[in-house]
């Protein structure tokens, strides 16, 4: 059975260890962060970047403008497809670049003012 002095000594060691870990957290010195969702907020507390996975196995990263409108979205699927969408200020997808598991690619664009043919 431990004496009170031994218990106090063990608690002091644990407090010391926890303080050291807290300093690492404060400095942001991480080797690995494991989570299901990651959000970056601007100085006003608005969501600007989000990274997440869903139960279907998709993984996504999205970027929003200062007004909270989706502007860029990149995602992968469990089947091996990967897509990046660039969205204009009106919410219209203008560029969609994709690579598919079968090796094909797709790069359609929607230009509001397409070049004139000669």
C-alpha atoms as a PDB file:
ATOM      1  CA  UNK A   1       0.000   0.000   0.000  1.00  0.00           C
ATOM      2  CA  UNK A   2       1.310   3.451  -0.910  1.00  0.00           C
ATOM      3  CA  UNK A   3       1.824   6.021   1.746  1.00  0.00           C
ATOM      4  CA  UNK A   4       0.351   9.485   1.450  1.00  0.00           C
ATOM      5  CA  UNK A   5       3.830  10.841   0.695  1.00  0.00           C
ATOM      6  CA  UNK A   6       4.193   8.371  -2.188  1.00  0.00           C
ATOM      7  CA  UNK A   7       0.776   9.303  -3.530  1.00  0.00           C
ATOM      8  CA  UNK A   8       1.635  13.020  -3.327  1.00  0.00           C
ATOM      9  CA  UNK A   9       4.942  12.360  -5.099  1.00  0.00           C
ATOM     10  CA  UNK A  10       3.155  10.457  -7.889  1.00  0.00           C
ATOM     11  CA  UNK A  11       0.614  13.284  -8.256  1.00  0.00           C
ATOM     12  CA  UNK A  12       3.427  15.848  -8.443  1.00  0.00           C
ATOM     13  CA  UNK A  13       5.099  13.853 -11.215  1.00  0.00           C
ATOM     14  CA  UNK A  14       1.802  13.595 -13.090  1.00  0.00           C
ATOM     15  CA  UNK A  15       1.225  17.352 -12.755  1.00  0.00           C
ATOM     16  CA  UNK A  16       4.735  18.003 -14.077  1.00  0.00           C
ATOM     17  CA  UNK A  17       4.093  15.722 -17.076  1.00  0.00           C
ATOM     18  CA  UNK A  18       0.746  17.361 -17.820  1.00  0.00           C
ATOM     19  CA  UNK A  19       2.301  20.842 -17.644  1.00  0.00           C
ATOM     20  CA  UNK A  20       4.953  19.780 -20.153  1.00  0.00           C
ATOM     21  CA  UNK A  21       2.250  18.420 -22.481  1.00  0.00           C
ATOM     22  CA  UNK A  22       0.276  21.650 -22.118  1.00  0.00           C
ATOM     23  CA  UNK A  23       3.314  23.652 -23.242  1.00  0.00           C
ATOM     24  CA  UNK A  24       3.552  21.486 -26.369  1.00  0.00           C
ATOM     25  CA  UNK A  25      -0.142  22.113 -27.094  1.00  0.00           C
ATOM     26  CA  UNK A  26       0.266  25.873 -26.570  1.00  0.00           C
ATOM     27  CA  UNK A  27       3.152  25.969 -29.047  1.00  0.00           C
ATOM     28  CA  UNK A  28       1.308  23.844 -31.582  1.00  0.00           C
ATOM     29  CA  UNK A  29       4.195  21.389 -31.934  1.00  0.00           C
ATOM     30  CA  UNK A  30       2.289  18.309 -33.058  1.00  0.00           C
ATOM     31  CA  UNK A  31       3.569  15.354 -34.996  1.00  0.00           C
ATOM     32  CA  UNK A  32       0.094  13.980 -35.711  1.00  0.00           C
ATOM     33  CA  UNK A  33      -3.424  15.256 -35.193  1.00  0.00           C
ATOM     34  CA  UNK A  34      -6.232  12.735 -35.530  1.00  0.00           C
ATOM     35  CA  UNK A  35      -9.772  13.952 -35.956  1.00  0.00           C
ATOM     36  CA  UNK A  36     -12.847  13.468 -38.123  1.00  0.00           C
ATOM     37  CA  UNK A  37     -13.305  17.139 -38.969  1.00  0.00           C
ATOM     38  CA  UNK A  38     -11.057  20.195 -39.032  1.00  0.00           C
ATOM     39  CA  UNK A  39     -12.292  23.784 -39.281  1.00  0.00           C
ATOM     40  CA  UNK A  40     -10.388  27.033 -39.734  1.00  0.00           C
ATOM     41  CA  UNK A  41     -12.162  30.224 -38.713  1.00  0.00           C
ATOM     42  CA  UNK A  42     -11.204  33.787 -39.600  1.00  0.00           C
ATOM     43  CA  UNK A  43     -10.716  36.580 -37.055  1.00  0.00           C
ATOM     44  CA  UNK A  44     -14.501  37.183 -37.056  1.00  0.00           C
ATOM     45  CA  UNK A  45     -15.256  33.537 -36.258  1.00  0.00           C
ATOM     46  CA  UNK A  46     -16.535  32.671 -39.752  1.00  0.00           C
ATOM     47  CA  UNK A  47     -15.759  29.269 -41.221  1.00  0.00           C
ATOM     48  CA  UNK A  48     -13.212  29.660 -44.032  1.00  0.00           C
ATOM     49  CA  UNK A  49     -11.710  26.176 -44.485  1.00  0.00           C
ATOM     50  CA  UNK A  50     -13.151  22.787 -43.556  1.00  0.00           C
ATOM     51  CA  UNK A  51     -11.726  19.301 -43.963  1.00  0.00           C
ATOM     52  CA  UNK A  52     -13.764  16.227 -43.190  1.00  0.00           C
ATOM     53  CA  UNK A  53     -14.607  12.644 -43.998  1.00  0.00           C
ATOM     54  CA  UNK A  54     -18.058  11.116 -44.130  1.00  0.00           C
ATOM     55  CA  UNK A  55     -19.508   7.664 -43.381  1.00  0.00           C
ATOM     56  CA  UNK A  56     -19.411   6.787 -47.119  1.00  0.00           C
ATOM     57  CA  UNK A  57     -15.599   7.108 -47.148  1.00  0.00           C
ATOM     58  CA  UNK A  58     -15.426  10.417 -49.017  1.00  0.00           C
ATOM     59  CA  UNK A  59     -12.811  12.931 -47.906  1.00  0.00           C
ATOM     60  CA  UNK A  60     -13.237  16.659 -48.607  1.00  0.00           C
ATOM     61  CA  UNK A  61     -11.557  19.995 -48.138  1.00  0.00           C
ATOM     62  CA  UNK A  62     -13.572  23.143 -48.801  1.00  0.00           C
ATOM     63  CA  UNK A  63     -12.642  26.815 -48.917  1.00  0.00           C
ATOM     64  CA  UNK A  64     -15.219  29.530 -48.343  1.00  0.00           C
ATOM     65  CA  UNK A  65     -14.968  33.244 -49.068  1.00  0.00           C
ATOM     66  CA  UNK A  66     -15.404  35.993 -46.469  1.00  0.00           C
ATOM     67  CA  UNK A  67     -19.179  35.848 -46.990  1.00  0.00           C
ATOM     68  CA  UNK A  68     -19.333  32.115 -46.260  1.00  0.00           C
ATOM     69  CA  UNK A  69     -19.898  31.099 -49.891  1.00  0.00           C
ATOM     70  CA  UNK A  70     -18.251  27.903 -51.091  1.00  0.00           C
ATOM     71  CA  UNK A  71     -15.497  28.811 -53.583  1.00  0.00           C
ATOM     72  CA  UNK A  72     -13.277  25.717 -53.859  1.00  0.00           C
ATOM     73  CA  UNK A  73     -14.013  22.100 -53.043  1.00  0.00           C
ATOM     74  CA  UNK A  74     -11.625  19.172 -53.348  1.00  0.00           C
ATOM     75  CA  UNK A  75     -12.702  15.634 -52.601  1.00  0.00           C
ATOM     76  CA  UNK A  76     -11.885  11.993 -53.090  1.00  0.00           C
ATOM     77  CA  UNK A  77     -14.138   8.971 -53.145  1.00  0.00           C
ATOM     78  CA  UNK A  78     -13.520   5.431 -51.866  1.00  0.00           C
ATOM     79  CA  UNK A  79     -13.584   4.271 -55.512  1.00  0.00           C
ATOM     80  CA  UNK A  80     -10.387   6.245 -56.249  1.00  0.00           C
ATOM     81  CA  UNK A  81     -11.861   9.304 -57.944  1.00  0.00           C
ATOM     82  CA  UNK A  82     -10.609  12.797 -57.092  1.00  0.00           C
ATOM     83  CA  UNK A  83     -12.174  16.136 -58.030  1.00  0.00           C
ATOM     84  CA  UNK A  84     -11.470  19.811 -57.501  1.00  0.00           C
ATOM     85  CA  UNK A  85     -14.218  22.365 -58.164  1.00  0.00           C
ATOM     86  CA  UNK A  86     -13.725  26.105 -58.533  1.00  0.00           C
ATOM     87  CA  UNK A  87     -16.945  28.000 -57.932  1.00  0.00           C
ATOM     88  CA  UNK A  88     -17.604  31.627 -58.816  1.00  0.00           C
ATOM     89  CA  UNK A  89     -19.062  34.260 -56.485  1.00  0.00           C
ATOM     90  CA  UNK A  90     -22.568  33.425 -57.758  1.00  0.00           C
ATOM     91  CA  UNK A  91     -22.275  29.773 -56.718  1.00  0.00           C
ATOM     92  CA  UNK A  92     -21.769  28.375 -60.224  1.00  0.00           C
ATOM     93  CA  UNK A  93     -19.114  25.686 -60.693  1.00  0.00           C
ATOM     94  CA  UNK A  94     -16.807  27.116 -63.365  1.00  0.00           C
ATOM     95  CA  UNK A  95     -13.994  24.549 -63.452  1.00  0.00           C
ATOM     96  CA  UNK A  96     -14.225  20.896 -62.463  1.00  0.00           C
ATOM     97  CA  UNK A  97     -10.980  18.935 -62.688  1.00  0.00           C
ATOM     98  CA  UNK A  98     -11.291  15.219 -62.045  1.00  0.00           C
ATOM     99  CA  UNK A  99      -9.183  12.107 -62.181  1.00  0.00           C
ATOM    100  CA  UNK A 100     -10.970   8.807 -62.138  1.00  0.00           C
ATOM    101  CA  UNK A 101      -9.969   5.378 -60.861  1.00  0.00           C
ATOM    102  CA  UNK A 102      -9.983   4.009 -64.415  1.00  0.00           C
ATOM    103  CA  UNK A 103      -7.222   6.471 -65.414  1.00  0.00           C
ATOM    104  CA  UNK A 104      -9.379   8.938 -67.307  1.00  0.00           C
ATOM    105  CA  UNK A 105      -9.474  12.660 -66.597  1.00  0.00           C
ATOM    106  CA  UNK A 106     -12.034  15.401 -67.067  1.00  0.00           C
ATOM    107  CA  UNK A 107     -11.391  19.146 -67.208  1.00  0.00           C
ATOM    108  CA  UNK A 108     -14.551  20.987 -68.285  1.00  0.00           C
ATOM    109  CA  UNK A 109     -14.899  24.727 -67.830  1.00  0.00           C
ATOM    110  CA  UNK A 110     -17.789  27.162 -68.139  1.00  0.00           C
ATOM    111  CA  UNK A 111     -16.376  30.404 -69.471  1.00  0.00           C
ATOM    112  CA  UNK A 112     -18.787  33.315 -69.303  1.00  0.00           C
ATOM    113  CA  UNK A 113     -17.062  35.016 -72.218  1.00  0.00           C
ATOM    114  CA  UNK A 114     -15.666  32.263 -74.423  1.00  0.00           C
ATOM    115  CA  UNK A 115     -13.109  33.310 -77.024  1.00  0.00           C
ATOM    116  CA  UNK A 116     -14.486  34.254 -80.419  1.00  0.00           C
ATOM    117  CA  UNK A 117     -13.707  31.858 -83.233  1.00  0.00           C
ATOM    118  CA  UNK A 118     -11.633  33.351 -86.053  1.00  0.00           C
END
